[in-house]
Amino acid sequence: MQLPQSLARFNRHVTNPIQRLWAGWAPTFGILEHVGRKSGARYRTPLSVFSTDEGVAILLTYGPNRDWLKNVMAAGGAQLKRHGRTFAVTDPQLVTRQEAAAHVTGFGRLAFGRLPFDNAVLLRRV
């Protein structure tokens, strides 16, 4: 399952600027700081983030055709602000939700495997 692209556009322009105020601090959220692969511009994308045994998992609620994911894949990594701390993440791997669920730890483990999305990306914390 994927959420509609119209909702993705709405979130990019309306919801994301608001979420950037708190997403780097709130549980199950983070702000992915990445660089545009063509523009070189710096971006800050709020996302739902789950802890894993080696880093984090991010559900692809709008599918794998996301600019932030293309940027991270091209660069081989990014910075992630989570729980008020910023750290590097690397080695992005596009996987199924079920594959990612096997790595999710903590209280997010129960919810992650039941959410109705098909794909996720695993990132290793540096």
PDB file of N, CA and C in Angstrom:
ATOM      1  N   MET A   1       0.829  -1.184   0.000  1.00  0.00           N
ATOM      2  CA  MET A   1       0.000   0.000   0.000  1.00  0.00           C
ATOM      3  C   MET A   1       0.877   1.252   0.000  1.00  0.00           C
ATOM      4  N   GLN A   2       0.398   2.300  -0.666  1.00  0.00           N
ATOM      5  CA  GLN A   2       1.041   3.597  -0.662  1.00  0.00           C
ATOM      6  C   GLN A   2      -0.027   4.658  -0.455  1.00  0.00           C
ATOM      7  N   LEU A   3       0.336   5.709   0.233  1.00  0.00           N
ATOM      8  CA  LEU A   3      -0.576   6.831   0.370  1.00  0.00           C
ATOM      9  C   LEU A   3      -0.609   7.607  -0.944  1.00  0.00           C
ATOM     10  N   PRO A   4      -1.687   8.348  -1.224  1.00  0.00           N
ATOM     11  CA  PRO A   4      -1.808   9.079  -2.494  1.00  0.00           C
ATOM     12  C   PRO A   4      -0.726  10.145  -2.662  1.00  0.00           C
ATOM     13  N   GLN A   5      -0.290  10.342  -3.905  1.00  0.00           N
ATOM     14  CA  GLN A   5       0.744  11.335  -4.201  1.00  0.00           C
ATOM     15  C   GLN A   5       0.266  12.758  -3.897  1.00  0.00           C
ATOM     16  N   SER A   6      -1.036  12.997  -4.008  1.00  0.00           N
ATOM     17  CA  SER A   6      -1.564  14.322  -3.670  1.00  0.00           C
ATOM     18  C   SER A   6      -1.317  14.637  -2.194  1.00  0.00           C
ATOM     19  N   LEU A   7      -1.404  13.627  -1.344  1.00  0.00           N
ATOM     20  CA  LEU A   7      -1.120  13.816   0.074  1.00  0.00           C
ATOM     21  C   LEU A   7       0.371  14.072   0.282  1.00  0.00           C
ATOM     22  N   ALA A   8       1.210  13.413  -0.491  1.00  0.00           N
ATOM     23  CA  ALA A   8       2.657  13.648  -0.401  1.00  0.00           C
ATOM     24  C   ALA A   8       2.980  15.098  -0.755  1.00  0.00           C
ATOM     25  N   ARG A   9       2.360  15.634  -1.806  1.00  0.00           N
ATOM     26  CA  ARG A   9       2.596  17.030  -2.195  1.00  0.00           C
ATOM     27  C   ARG A   9       2.103  17.984  -1.106  1.00  0.00           C
ATOM     28  N   PHE A  10       0.927  17.706  -0.547  1.00  0.00           N
ATOM     29  CA  PHE A  10       0.384  18.531   0.531  1.00  0.00           C
ATOM     30  C   PHE A  10       1.344  18.528   1.726  1.00  0.00           C
ATOM     31  N   ASN A  11       1.802  17.344   2.113  1.00  0.00           N
ATOM     32  CA  ASN A  11       2.725  17.235   3.247  1.00  0.00           C
ATOM     33  C   ASN A  11       4.013  18.002   2.990  1.00  0.00           C
ATOM     34  N   ARG A  12       4.547  17.909   1.778  1.00  0.00           N
ATOM     35  CA  ARG A  12       5.808  18.590   1.461  1.00  0.00           C
ATOM     36  C   ARG A  12       5.693  20.093   1.678  1.00  0.00           C
ATOM     37  N   HIS A  13       4.557  20.668   1.291  1.00  0.00           N
ATOM     38  CA  HIS A  13       4.417  22.125   1.337  1.00  0.00           C
ATOM     39  C   HIS A  13       3.742  22.663   2.597  1.00  0.00           C
ATOM     40  N   VAL A  14       2.915  21.854   3.245  1.00  0.00           N
ATOM     41  CA  VAL A  14       2.153  22.346   4.394  1.00  0.00           C
ATOM     42  C   VAL A  14       2.587  21.678   5.702  1.00  0.00           C
ATOM     43  N   THR A  15       2.524  20.362   5.751  1.00  0.00           N
ATOM     44  CA  THR A  15       2.777  19.646   6.999  1.00  0.00           C
ATOM     45  C   THR A  15       4.262  19.601   7.373  1.00  0.00           C
ATOM     46  N   ASN A  16       5.135  19.330   6.402  1.00  0.00           N
ATOM     47  CA  ASN A  16       6.561  19.183   6.706  1.00  0.00           C
ATOM     48  C   ASN A  16       7.177  20.410   7.383  1.00  0.00           C
ATOM     49  N   PRO A  17       6.892  21.641   6.917  1.00  0.00           N
ATOM     50  CA  PRO A  17       7.467  22.795   7.624  1.00  0.00           C
ATOM     51  C   PRO A  17       7.071  22.853   9.101  1.00  0.00           C
ATOM     52  N   ILE A  18       5.858  22.437   9.412  1.00  0.00           N
ATOM     53  CA  ILE A  18       5.409  22.417  10.806  1.00  0.00           C
ATOM     54  C   ILE A  18       6.106  21.293  11.570  1.00  0.00           C
ATOM     55  N   GLN A  19       6.184  20.113  10.959  1.00  0.00           N
ATOM     56  CA  GLN A  19       6.812  18.966  11.625  1.00  0.00           C
ATOM     57  C   GLN A  19       8.292  19.191  11.886  1.00  0.00           C
ATOM     58  N   ARG A  20       8.959  19.990  11.053  1.00  0.00           N
ATOM     59  CA  ARG A  20      10.390  20.249  11.271  1.00  0.00           C
ATOM     60  C   ARG A  20      10.640  20.960  12.607  1.00  0.00           C
ATOM     61  N   LEU A  21       9.611  21.566  13.176  1.00  0.00           N
ATOM     62  CA  LEU A  21       9.756  22.238  14.468  1.00  0.00           C
ATOM     63  C   LEU A  21       9.955  21.252  15.605  1.00  0.00           C
ATOM     64  N   TRP A  22       9.413  20.022  15.492  1.00  0.00           N
ATOM     65  CA  TRP A  22       9.458  19.073  16.607  1.00  0.00           C
ATOM     66  C   TRP A  22       9.909  17.672  16.244  1.00  0.00           C
ATOM     67  N   ALA A  23       9.991  17.332  14.973  1.00  0.00           N
ATOM     68  CA  ALA A  23      10.260  15.940  14.577  1.00  0.00           C
ATOM     69  C   ALA A  23      11.634  15.433  15.020  1.00  0.00           C
ATOM     70  N   GLY A  24      12.595  16.299  15.226  1.00  0.00           N
ATOM     71  CA  GLY A  24      13.917  15.860  15.664  1.00  0.00           C
ATOM     72  C   GLY A  24      13.983  15.493  17.137  1.00  0.00           C
ATOM     73  N   TRP A  25      12.865  15.682  17.846  1.00  0.00           N
ATOM     74  CA  TRP A  25      12.820  15.419  19.277  1.00  0.00           C
ATOM     75  C   TRP A  25      11.804  14.354  19.652  1.00  0.00           C
ATOM     76  N   ALA A  26      10.741  14.220  18.870  1.00  0.00           N
ATOM     77  CA  ALA A  26       9.613  13.357  19.226  1.00  0.00           C
ATOM     78  C   ALA A  26       9.922  11.880  18.973  1.00  0.00           C
ATOM     79  N   PRO A  27       9.393  10.994  19.822  1.00  0.00           N
ATOM     80  CA  PRO A  27       9.573   9.555  19.607  1.00  0.00           C
ATOM     81  C   PRO A  27       8.972   9.140  18.258  1.00  0.00           C
ATOM     82  N   THR A  28       9.589   8.201  17.619  1.00  0.00           N
ATOM     83  CA  THR A  28       9.221   7.639  16.301  1.00  0.00           C
ATOM     84  C   THR A  28       9.323   8.642  15.160  1.00  0.00           C
ATOM     85  N   PHE A  29       9.944   9.778  15.386  1.00  0.00           N
ATOM     86  CA  PHE A  29      10.165  10.740  14.311  1.00  0.00           C
ATOM     87  C   PHE A  29      11.635  11.116  14.241  1.00  0.00           C
ATOM     88  N   GLY A  30      12.015  11.667  13.121  1.00  0.00           N
ATOM     89  CA  GLY A  30      13.360  12.174  12.929  1.00  0.00           C
ATOM     90  C   GLY A  30      13.362  13.119  11.750  1.00  0.00           C
ATOM     91  N   ILE A  31      14.425  13.882  11.626  1.00  0.00           N
ATOM     92  CA  ILE A  31      14.592  14.776  10.478  1.00  0.00           C
ATOM     93  C   ILE A  31      15.823  14.303   9.715  1.00  0.00           C
ATOM     94  N   LEU A  32      15.608  13.875   8.489  1.00  0.00           N
ATOM     95  CA  LEU A  32      16.685  13.414   7.631  1.00  0.00           C
ATOM     96  C   LEU A  32      17.267  14.621   6.912  1.00  0.00           C
ATOM     97  N   GLU A  33      18.543  14.877   7.123  1.00  0.00           N
ATOM     98  CA  GLU A  33      19.238  15.999   6.492  1.00  0.00           C
ATOM     99  C   GLU A  33      20.062  15.445   5.339  1.00  0.00           C
ATOM    100  N   HIS A  34      19.701  15.838   4.114  1.00  0.00           N
ATOM    101  CA  HIS A  34      20.343  15.285   2.923  1.00  0.00           C
ATOM    102  C   HIS A  34      20.608  16.381   1.911  1.00  0.00           C
ATOM    103  N   VAL A  35      21.429  16.057   0.900  1.00  0.00           N
ATOM    104  CA  VAL A  35      21.830  17.014  -0.122  1.00  0.00           C
ATOM    105  C   VAL A  35      21.246  16.566  -1.453  1.00  0.00           C
ATOM    106  N   GLY A  36      20.664  17.522  -2.194  1.00  0.00           N
ATOM    107  CA  GLY A  36      20.092  17.221  -3.507  1.00  0.00           C
ATOM    108  C   GLY A  36      21.149  16.701  -4.464  1.00  0.00           C
ATOM    109  N   ARG A  37      20.852  15.625  -5.130  1.00  0.00           N
ATOM    110  CA  ARG A  37      21.829  14.998  -6.022  1.00  0.00           C
ATOM    111  C   ARG A  37      22.087  15.833  -7.257  1.00  0.00           C
ATOM    112  N   LYS A  38      21.149  16.675  -7.675  1.00  0.00           N
ATOM    113  CA  LYS A  38      21.320  17.539  -8.851  1.00  0.00           C
ATOM    114  C   LYS A  38      21.574  18.988  -8.454  1.00  0.00           C
ATOM    115  N   SER A  39      20.799  19.477  -7.482  1.00  0.00           N
ATOM    116  CA  SER A  39      20.871  20.895  -7.108  1.00  0.00           C
ATOM    117  C   SER A  39      22.003  21.202  -6.134  1.00  0.00           C
ATOM    118  N   GLY A  40      22.374  20.211  -5.322  1.00  0.00           N
ATOM    119  CA  GLY A  40      23.355  20.455  -4.265  1.00  0.00           C
ATOM    120  C   GLY A  40      22.749  21.177  -3.067  1.00  0.00           C
ATOM    121  N   ALA A  41      21.443  21.438  -3.118  1.00  0.00           N
ATOM    122  CA  ALA A  41      20.764  22.117  -2.016  1.00  0.00           C
ATOM    123  C   ALA A  41      20.629  21.178  -0.822  1.00  0.00           C
ATOM    124  N   ARG A  42      20.584  21.761   0.366  1.00  0.00           N
ATOM    125  CA  ARG A  42      20.421  20.982   1.583  1.00  0.00           C
ATOM    126  C   ARG A  42      18.927  20.920   1.922  1.00  0.00           C
ATOM    127  N   TYR A  43      18.476  19.721   2.290  1.00  0.00           N
ATOM    128  CA  TYR A  43      17.072  19.495   2.624  1.00  0.00           C
ATOM    129  C   TYR A  43      16.951  18.871   4.000  1.00  0.00           C
ATOM    130  N   ARG A  44      15.827  19.129   4.654  1.00  0.00           N
ATOM    131  CA  ARG A  44      15.507  18.547   5.960  1.00  0.00           C
ATOM    132  C   ARG A  44      14.107  17.951   5.857  1.00  0.00           C
ATOM    133  N   THR A  45      14.026  16.627   5.833  1.00  0.00           N
ATOM    134  CA  THR A  45      12.763  15.927   5.634  1.00  0.00           C
ATOM    135  C   THR A  45      12.335  15.210   6.905  1.00  0.00           C
ATOM    136  N   PRO A  46      11.180  15.592   7.489  1.00  0.00           N
ATOM    137  CA  PRO A  46      10.686  14.872   8.663  1.00  0.00           C
ATOM    138  C   PRO A  46      10.098  13.523   8.246  1.00  0.00           C
ATOM    139  N   LEU A  47      10.441  12.477   8.992  1.00  0.00           N
ATOM    140  CA  LEU A  47      10.019  11.115   8.663  1.00  0.00           C
ATOM    141  C   LEU A  47       9.715  10.328   9.936  1.00  0.00           C
ATOM    142  N   SER A  48       8.931   9.263   9.781  1.00  0.00           N
ATOM    143  CA  SER A  48       8.736   8.298  10.863  1.00  0.00           C
ATOM    144  C   SER A  48       9.933   7.364  10.873  1.00  0.00           C
ATOM    145  N   VAL A  49      10.605   7.277  12.009  1.00  0.00           N
ATOM    146  CA  VAL A  49      11.858   6.541  12.107  1.00  0.00           C
ATOM    147  C   VAL A  49      11.758   5.525  13.245  1.00  0.00           C
ATOM    148  N   PHE A  50      12.228   4.318  12.979  1.00  0.00           N
ATOM    149  CA  PHE A  50      12.208   3.242  13.971  1.00  0.00           C
ATOM    150  C   PHE A  50      13.629   2.751  14.214  1.00  0.00           C
ATOM    151  N   SER A  51      13.980   2.505  15.460  1.00  0.00           N
ATOM    152  CA  SER A  51      15.314   1.988  15.797  1.00  0.00           C
ATOM    153  C   SER A  51      15.463   0.552  15.320  1.00  0.00           C
ATOM    154  N   THR A  52      16.676   0.221  14.874  1.00  0.00           N
ATOM    155  CA  THR A  52      16.997  -1.153  14.478  1.00  0.00           C
ATOM    156  C   THR A  52      18.257  -1.599  15.197  1.00  0.00           C
ATOM    157  N   ASP A  53      18.630  -2.852  14.978  1.00  0.00           N
ATOM    158  CA  ASP A  53      19.833  -3.390  15.610  1.00  0.00           C
ATOM    159  C   ASP A  53      21.108  -2.684  15.159  1.00  0.00           C
ATOM    160  N   GLU A  54      21.112  -2.071  13.949  1.00  0.00           N
ATOM    161  CA  GLU A  54      22.316  -1.387  13.466  1.00  0.00           C
ATOM    162  C   GLU A  54      22.118   0.089  13.173  1.00  0.00           C
ATOM    163  N   GLY A  55      20.891   0.581  13.287  1.00  0.00           N
ATOM    164  CA  GLY A  55      20.637   1.978  12.956  1.00  0.00           C
ATOM    165  C   GLY A  55      19.163   2.300  13.000  1.00  0.00           C
ATOM    166  N   VAL A  56      18.586   2.580  11.824  1.00  0.00           N
ATOM    167  CA  VAL A  56      17.175   2.946  11.761  1.00  0.00           C
ATOM    168  C   VAL A  56      16.506   2.323  10.538  1.00  0.00           C
ATOM    169  N   ALA A  57      15.187   2.229  10.631  1.00  0.00           N
ATOM    170  CA  ALA A  57      14.338   1.829   9.511  1.00  0.00           C
ATOM    171  C   ALA A  57      13.317   2.936   9.293  1.00  0.00           C
ATOM    172  N   ILE A  58      13.065   3.245   8.032  1.00  0.00           N
ATOM    173  CA  ILE A  58      12.086   4.259   7.670  1.00  0.00           C
ATOM    174  C   ILE A  58      11.090   3.616   6.714  1.00  0.00           C
ATOM    175  N   LEU A  59       9.812   3.616   7.100  1.00  0.00           N
ATOM    176  CA  LEU A  59       8.772   3.096   6.216  1.00  0.00           C
ATOM    177  C   LEU A  59       8.568   4.051   5.053  1.00  0.00           C
ATOM    178  N   LEU A  60       8.398   3.499   3.874  1.00  0.00           N
ATOM    179  CA  LEU A  60       8.181   4.315   2.686  1.00  0.00           C
ATOM    180  C   LEU A  60       6.681   4.431   2.438  1.00  0.00           C
ATOM    181  N   THR A  61       6.062   5.345   3.161  1.00  0.00           N
ATOM    182  CA  THR A  61       4.608   5.498   3.128  1.00  0.00           C
ATOM    183  C   THR A  61       4.085   5.964   1.773  1.00  0.00           C
ATOM    184  N   TYR A  62       4.931   6.613   0.978  1.00  0.00           N
ATOM    185  CA  TYR A  62       4.540   7.063  -0.365  1.00  0.00           C
ATOM    186  C   TYR A  62       5.254   6.278  -1.451  1.00  0.00           C
ATOM    187  N   GLY A  63       5.835   5.152  -1.100  1.00  0.00           N
ATOM    188  CA  GLY A  63       6.549   4.321  -2.067  1.00  0.00           C
ATOM    189  C   GLY A  63       8.003   4.731  -2.218  1.00  0.00           C
ATOM    190  N   PRO A  64       8.760   3.956  -2.985  1.00  0.00           N
ATOM    191  CA  PRO A  64      10.198   4.185  -3.099  1.00  0.00           C
ATOM    192  C   PRO A  64      10.608   5.311  -4.052  1.00  0.00           C
ATOM    193  N   ASN A  65       9.682   5.890  -4.771  1.00  0.00           N
ATOM    194  CA  ASN A  65      10.020   6.945  -5.731  1.00  0.00           C
ATOM    195  C   ASN A  65       9.969   8.323  -5.063  1.00  0.00           C
ATOM    196  N   ARG A  66      10.790   8.502  -4.040  1.00  0.00           N
ATOM    197  CA  ARG A  66      10.850   9.749  -3.271  1.00  0.00           C
ATOM    198  C   ARG A  66      12.181  10.442  -3.526  1.00  0.00           C
ATOM    199  N   ASP A  67      12.146  11.751  -3.661  1.00  0.00           N
ATOM    200  CA  ASP A  67      13.385  12.499  -3.900  1.00  0.00           C
ATOM    201  C   ASP A  67      14.376  12.325  -2.760  1.00  0.00           C
ATOM    202  N   TRP A  68      13.886  12.360  -1.504  1.00  0.00           N
ATOM    203  CA  TRP A  68      14.822  12.225  -0.382  1.00  0.00           C
ATOM    204  C   TRP A  68      15.541  10.895  -0.445  1.00  0.00           C
ATOM    205  N   LEU A  69      14.834   9.823  -0.841  1.00  0.00           N
ATOM    206  CA  LEU A  69      15.457   8.503  -0.919  1.00  0.00           C
ATOM    207  C   LEU A  69      16.471   8.445  -2.050  1.00  0.00           C
ATOM    208  N   LYS A  70      16.137   9.035  -3.187  1.00  0.00           N
ATOM    209  CA  LYS A  70      17.083   9.087  -4.314  1.00  0.00           C
ATOM    210  C   LYS A  70      18.349   9.841  -3.912  1.00  0.00           C
ATOM    211  N   ASN A  71      18.186  10.935  -3.169  1.00  0.00           N
ATOM    212  CA  ASN A  71      19.346  11.704  -2.708  1.00  0.00           C
ATOM    213  C   ASN A  71      20.229  10.891  -1.773  1.00  0.00           C
ATOM    214  N   VAL A  72      19.600  10.193  -0.826  1.00  0.00           N
ATOM    215  CA  VAL A  72      20.353   9.395   0.146  1.00  0.00           C
ATOM    216  C   VAL A  72      21.040   8.215  -0.547  1.00  0.00           C
ATOM    217  N   MET A  73      20.350   7.571  -1.480  1.00  0.00           N
ATOM    218  CA  MET A  73      20.946   6.447  -2.218  1.00  0.00           C
ATOM    219  C   MET A  73      22.149   6.922  -3.038  1.00  0.00           C
ATOM    220  N   ALA A  74      22.005   8.070  -3.710  1.00  0.00           N
ATOM    221  CA  ALA A  74      23.098   8.595  -4.534  1.00  0.00           C
ATOM    222  C   ALA A  74      24.306   8.981  -3.687  1.00  0.00           C
ATOM    223  N   ALA A  75      24.052   9.566  -2.509  1.00  0.00           N
ATOM    224  CA  ALA A  75      25.145  10.003  -1.632  1.00  0.00           C
ATOM    225  C   ALA A  75      25.698   8.861  -0.785  1.00  0.00           C
ATOM    226  N   GLY A  76      24.932   7.801  -0.621  1.00  0.00           N
ATOM    227  CA  GLY A  76      25.366   6.693   0.219  1.00  0.00           C
ATOM    228  C   GLY A  76      25.090   6.911   1.693  1.00  0.00           C
ATOM    229  N   GLY A  77      24.390   8.000   2.023  1.00  0.00           N
ATOM    230  CA  GLY A  77      24.077   8.271   3.415  1.00  0.00           C
ATOM    231  C   GLY A  77      23.574   9.677   3.612  1.00  0.00           C
ATOM    232  N   ALA A  78      23.408  10.070   4.877  1.00  0.00           N
ATOM    233  CA  ALA A  78      22.888  11.390   5.229  1.00  0.00           C
ATOM    234  C   ALA A  78      23.130  11.613   6.720  1.00  0.00           C
ATOM    235  N   GLN A  79      22.537  12.661   7.237  1.00  0.00           N
ATOM    236  CA  GLN A  79      22.531  12.944   8.677  1.00  0.00           C
ATOM    237  C   GLN A  79      21.094  12.781   9.154  1.00  0.00           C
ATOM    238  N   LEU A  80      20.923  12.312  10.378  1.00  0.00           N
ATOM    239  CA  LEU A  80      19.596  12.142  10.944  1.00  0.00           C
ATOM    240  C   LEU A  80      19.556  12.795  12.315  1.00  0.00           C
ATOM    241  N   LYS A  81      18.576  13.678  12.519  1.00  0.00           N
ATOM    242  CA  LYS A  81      18.369  14.278  13.837  1.00  0.00           C
ATOM    243  C   LYS A  81      17.241  13.512  14.498  1.00  0.00           C
ATOM    244  N   ARG A  82      17.562  12.958  15.671  1.00  0.00           N
ATOM    245  CA  ARG A  82      16.593  12.124  16.380  1.00  0.00           C
ATOM    246  C   ARG A  82      16.832  12.270  17.877  1.00  0.00           C
ATOM    247  N   HIS A  83      15.769  12.427  18.640  1.00  0.00           N
ATOM    248  CA  HIS A  83      15.857  12.600  20.091  1.00  0.00           C
ATOM    249  C   HIS A  83      16.814  13.740  20.457  1.00  0.00           C
ATOM    250  N   GLY A  84      16.836  14.794  19.610  1.00  0.00           N
ATOM    251  CA  GLY A  84      17.661  15.964  19.873  1.00  0.00           C
ATOM    252  C   GLY A  84      19.121  15.827  19.497  1.00  0.00           C
ATOM    253  N   ARG A  85      19.515  14.693  18.942  1.00  0.00           N
ATOM    254  CA  ARG A  85      20.915  14.464  18.554  1.00  0.00           C
ATOM    255  C   ARG A  85      21.002  14.198  17.060  1.00  0.00           C
ATOM    256  N   THR A  86      22.075  14.669  16.451  1.00  0.00           N
ATOM    257  CA  THR A  86      22.301  14.448  15.028  1.00  0.00           C
ATOM    258  C   THR A  86      23.446  13.469  14.857  1.00  0.00           C
ATOM    259  N   PHE A  87      23.246  12.471  13.979  1.00  0.00           N
ATOM    260  CA  PHE A  87      24.277  11.475  13.718  1.00  0.00           C
ATOM    261  C   PHE A  87      24.230  11.069  12.250  1.00  0.00           C
ATOM    262  N   ALA A  88      25.319  10.502  11.788  1.00  0.00           N
ATOM    263  CA  ALA A  88      25.419  10.066  10.400  1.00  0.00           C
ATOM    264  C   ALA A  88      24.770   8.696  10.219  1.00  0.00           C
ATOM    265  N   VAL A  89      24.120   8.506   9.083  1.00  0.00           N
ATOM    266  CA  VAL A  89      23.592   7.205   8.684  1.00  0.00           C
ATOM    267  C   VAL A  89      24.142   6.905   7.292  1.00  0.00           C
ATOM    268  N   THR A  90      24.372   5.633   7.043  1.00  0.00           N
ATOM    269  CA  THR A  90      25.000   5.240   5.785  1.00  0.00           C
ATOM    270  C   THR A  90      24.424   3.914   5.314  1.00  0.00           C
ATOM    271  N   ASP A  91      24.893   3.462   4.170  1.00  0.00           N
ATOM    272  CA  ASP A  91      24.547   2.158   3.617  1.00  0.00           C
ATOM    273  C   ASP A  91      23.041   1.965   3.453  1.00  0.00           C
ATOM    274  N   PRO A  92      22.348   2.867   2.709  1.00  0.00           N
ATOM    275  CA  PRO A  92      20.899   2.718   2.544  1.00  0.00           C
ATOM    276  C   PRO A  92      20.541   1.448   1.768  1.00  0.00           C
ATOM    277  N   GLN A  93      19.585   0.702   2.296  1.00  0.00           N
ATOM    278  CA  GLN A  93      19.133  -0.528   1.653  1.00  0.00           C
ATOM    279  C   GLN A  93      17.623  -0.502   1.533  1.00  0.00           C
ATOM    280  N   LEU A  94      17.117  -0.567   0.314  1.00  0.00           N
ATOM    281  CA  LEU A  94      15.688  -0.646   0.070  1.00  0.00           C
ATOM    282  C   LEU A  94      15.256  -2.094   0.259  1.00  0.00           C
ATOM    283  N   VAL A  95      14.321  -2.325   1.171  1.00  0.00           N
ATOM    284  CA  VAL A  95      13.890  -3.681   1.510  1.00  0.00           C
ATOM    285  C   VAL A  95      12.366  -3.706   1.663  1.00  0.00           C
ATOM    286  N   THR A  96      11.818  -4.891   1.793  1.00  0.00           N
ATOM    287  CA  THR A  96      10.392  -5.001   2.084  1.00  0.00           C
ATOM    288  C   THR A  96      10.160  -4.656   3.555  1.00  0.00           C
ATOM    289  N   ARG A  97       8.910  -4.330   3.883  1.00  0.00           N
ATOM    290  CA  ARG A  97       8.562  -4.054   5.279  1.00  0.00           C
ATOM    291  C   ARG A  97       8.887  -5.258   6.147  1.00  0.00           C
ATOM    292  N   GLN A  98       8.609  -6.462   5.655  1.00  0.00           N
ATOM    293  CA  GLN A  98       8.862  -7.665   6.432  1.00  0.00           C
ATOM    294  C   GLN A  98      10.358  -7.852   6.707  1.00  0.00           C
ATOM    295  N   GLU A  99      11.184  -7.575   5.705  1.00  0.00           N
ATOM    296  CA  GLU A  99      12.641  -7.686   5.914  1.00  0.00           C
ATOM    297  C   GLU A  99      13.108  -6.681   6.960  1.00  0.00           C
ATOM    298  N   ALA A 100      12.614  -5.457   6.880  1.00  0.00           N
ATOM    299  CA  ALA A 100      13.009  -4.428   7.840  1.00  0.00           C
ATOM    300  C   ALA A 100      12.498  -4.754   9.240  1.00  0.00           C
ATOM    301  N   ALA A 101      11.283  -5.294   9.329  1.00  0.00           N
ATOM    302  CA  ALA A 101      10.674  -5.592  10.638  1.00  0.00           C
ATOM    303  C   ALA A 101      11.542  -6.532  11.461  1.00  0.00           C
ATOM    304  N   ALA A 102      12.273  -7.417  10.801  1.00  0.00           N
ATOM    305  CA  ALA A 102      13.144  -8.353  11.520  1.00  0.00           C
ATOM    306  C   ALA A 102      14.274  -7.632  12.251  1.00  0.00           C
ATOM    307  N   HIS A 103      14.574  -6.385  11.863  1.00  0.00           N
ATOM    308  CA  HIS A 103      15.669  -5.623  12.474  1.00  0.00           C
ATOM    309  C   HIS A 103      15.196  -4.569  13.472  1.00  0.00           C
ATOM    310  N   VAL A 104      13.901  -4.246  13.464  1.00  0.00           N
ATOM    311  CA  VAL A 104      13.375  -3.195  14.341  1.00  0.00           C
ATOM    312  C   VAL A 104      13.413  -3.663  15.790  1.00  0.00           C
ATOM    313  N   THR A 105      13.837  -2.760  16.668  1.00  0.00           N
ATOM    314  CA  THR A 105      13.956  -3.071  18.092  1.00  0.00           C
ATOM    315  C   THR A 105      13.047  -2.150  18.900  1.00  0.00           C
ATOM    316  N   GLY A 106      12.933  -2.429  20.174  1.00  0.00           N
ATOM    317  CA  GLY A 106      12.190  -1.566  21.084  1.00  0.00           C
ATOM    318  C   GLY A 106      10.690  -1.616  20.886  1.00  0.00           C
ATOM    319  N   PHE A 107      10.014  -0.585  21.420  1.00  0.00           N
ATOM    320  CA  PHE A 107       8.556  -0.588  21.389  1.00  0.00           C
ATOM    321  C   PHE A 107       7.994  -0.451  19.972  1.00  0.00           C
ATOM    322  N   GLY A 108       8.766   0.056  19.025  1.00  0.00           N
ATOM    323  CA  GLY A 108       8.300   0.193  17.648  1.00  0.00           C
ATOM    324  C   GLY A 108       8.152  -1.128  16.924  1.00  0.00           C
ATOM    325  N   ARG A 109       8.782  -2.170  17.440  1.00  0.00           N
ATOM    326  CA  ARG A 109       8.752  -3.485  16.786  1.00  0.00           C
ATOM    327  C   ARG A 109       7.329  -4.002  16.574  1.00  0.00           C
ATOM    328  N   LEU A 110       6.463  -3.845  17.557  1.00  0.00           N
ATOM    329  CA  LEU A 110       5.085  -4.326  17.444  1.00  0.00           C
ATOM    330  C   LEU A 110       4.318  -3.599  16.343  1.00  0.00           C
ATOM    331  N   ALA A 111       4.448  -2.304  16.290  1.00  0.00           N
ATOM    332  CA  ALA A 111       3.703  -1.507  15.307  1.00  0.00           C
ATOM    333  C   ALA A 111       4.275  -1.644  13.900  1.00  0.00           C
ATOM    334  N   PHE A 112       5.583  -1.647  13.771  1.00  0.00           N
ATOM    335  CA  PHE A 112       6.233  -1.616  12.462  1.00  0.00           C
ATOM    336  C   PHE A 112       5.750  -2.745  11.553  1.00  0.00           C
ATOM    337  N   GLY A 113       5.730  -3.943  12.034  1.00  0.00           N
ATOM    338  CA  GLY A 113       5.349  -5.090  11.224  1.00  0.00           C
ATOM    339  C   GLY A 113       3.889  -5.115  10.821  1.00  0.00           C
ATOM    340  N   ARG A 114       3.071  -4.316  11.489  1.00  0.00           N
ATOM    341  CA  ARG A 114       1.628  -4.312  11.213  1.00  0.00           C
ATOM    342  C   ARG A 114       1.178  -3.134  10.352  1.00  0.00           C
ATOM    343  N   LEU A 115       2.050  -2.170  10.148  1.00  0.00           N
ATOM    344  CA  LEU A 115       1.667  -1.008   9.353  1.00  0.00           C
ATOM    345  C   LEU A 115       1.494  -1.416   7.885  1.00  0.00           C
ATOM    346  N   PRO A 116       0.536  -0.820   7.185  1.00  0.00           N
ATOM    347  CA  PRO A 116       0.134  -1.324   5.865  1.00  0.00           C
ATOM    348  C   PRO A 116       0.959  -0.817   4.682  1.00  0.00           C
ATOM    349  N   PHE A 117       2.273  -0.752   4.823  1.00  0.00           N
ATOM    350  CA  PHE A 117       3.107  -0.266   3.731  1.00  0.00           C
ATOM    351  C   PHE A 117       4.027  -1.376   3.247  1.00  0.00           C
ATOM    352  N   ASP A 118       4.423  -1.311   1.982  1.00  0.00           N
ATOM    353  CA  ASP A 118       5.156  -2.408   1.352  1.00  0.00           C
ATOM    354  C   ASP A 118       6.667  -2.373   1.552  1.00  0.00           C
ATOM    355  N   ASN A 119       7.262  -1.165   1.548  1.00  0.00           N
ATOM    356  CA  ASN A 119       8.712  -1.055   1.538  1.00  0.00           C
ATOM    357  C   ASN A 119       9.234  -0.179   2.660  1.00  0.00           C
ATOM    358  N   ALA A 120      10.525  -0.364   2.935  1.00  0.00           N
ATOM    359  CA  ALA A 120      11.230   0.448   3.928  1.00  0.00           C
ATOM    360  C   ALA A 120      12.662   0.619   3.467  1.00  0.00           C
ATOM    361  N   VAL A 121      13.357   1.532   4.101  1.00  0.00           N
ATOM    362  CA  VAL A 121      14.788   1.678   3.876  1.00  0.00           C
ATOM    363  C   VAL A 121      15.481   1.490   5.214  1.00  0.00           C
ATOM    364  N   LEU A 122      16.542   0.685   5.200  1.00  0.00           N
ATOM    365  CA  LEU A 122      17.386   0.492   6.374  1.00  0.00           C
ATOM    366  C   LEU A 122      18.618   1.358   6.216  1.00  0.00           C
ATOM    367  N   LEU A 123      19.007   2.043   7.283  1.00  0.00           N
ATOM    368  CA  LEU A 123      20.207   2.865   7.315  1.00  0.00           C
ATOM    369  C   LEU A 123      21.026   2.468   8.531  1.00  0.00           C
ATOM    370  N   ARG A 124      22.317   2.319   8.327  1.00  0.00           N
ATOM    371  CA  ARG A 124      23.208   1.937   9.418  1.00  0.00           C
ATOM    372  C   ARG A 124      23.753   3.204  10.076  1.00  0.00           C
ATOM    373  N   ARG A 125      23.704   3.238  11.408  1.00  0.00           N
ATOM    374  CA  ARG A 125      24.241   4.375  12.152  1.00  0.00           C
ATOM    375  C   ARG A 125      25.764   4.295  12.161  1.00  0.00           C
ATOM    376  N   VAL A 126      26.401   5.432  11.917  1.00  0.00           N
ATOM    377  CA  VAL A 126      27.862   5.489  11.891  1.00  0.00           C
ATOM    378  C   VAL A 126      28.374   5.888  13.252  1.00  0.00           C
TER     379      VAL A 126
END
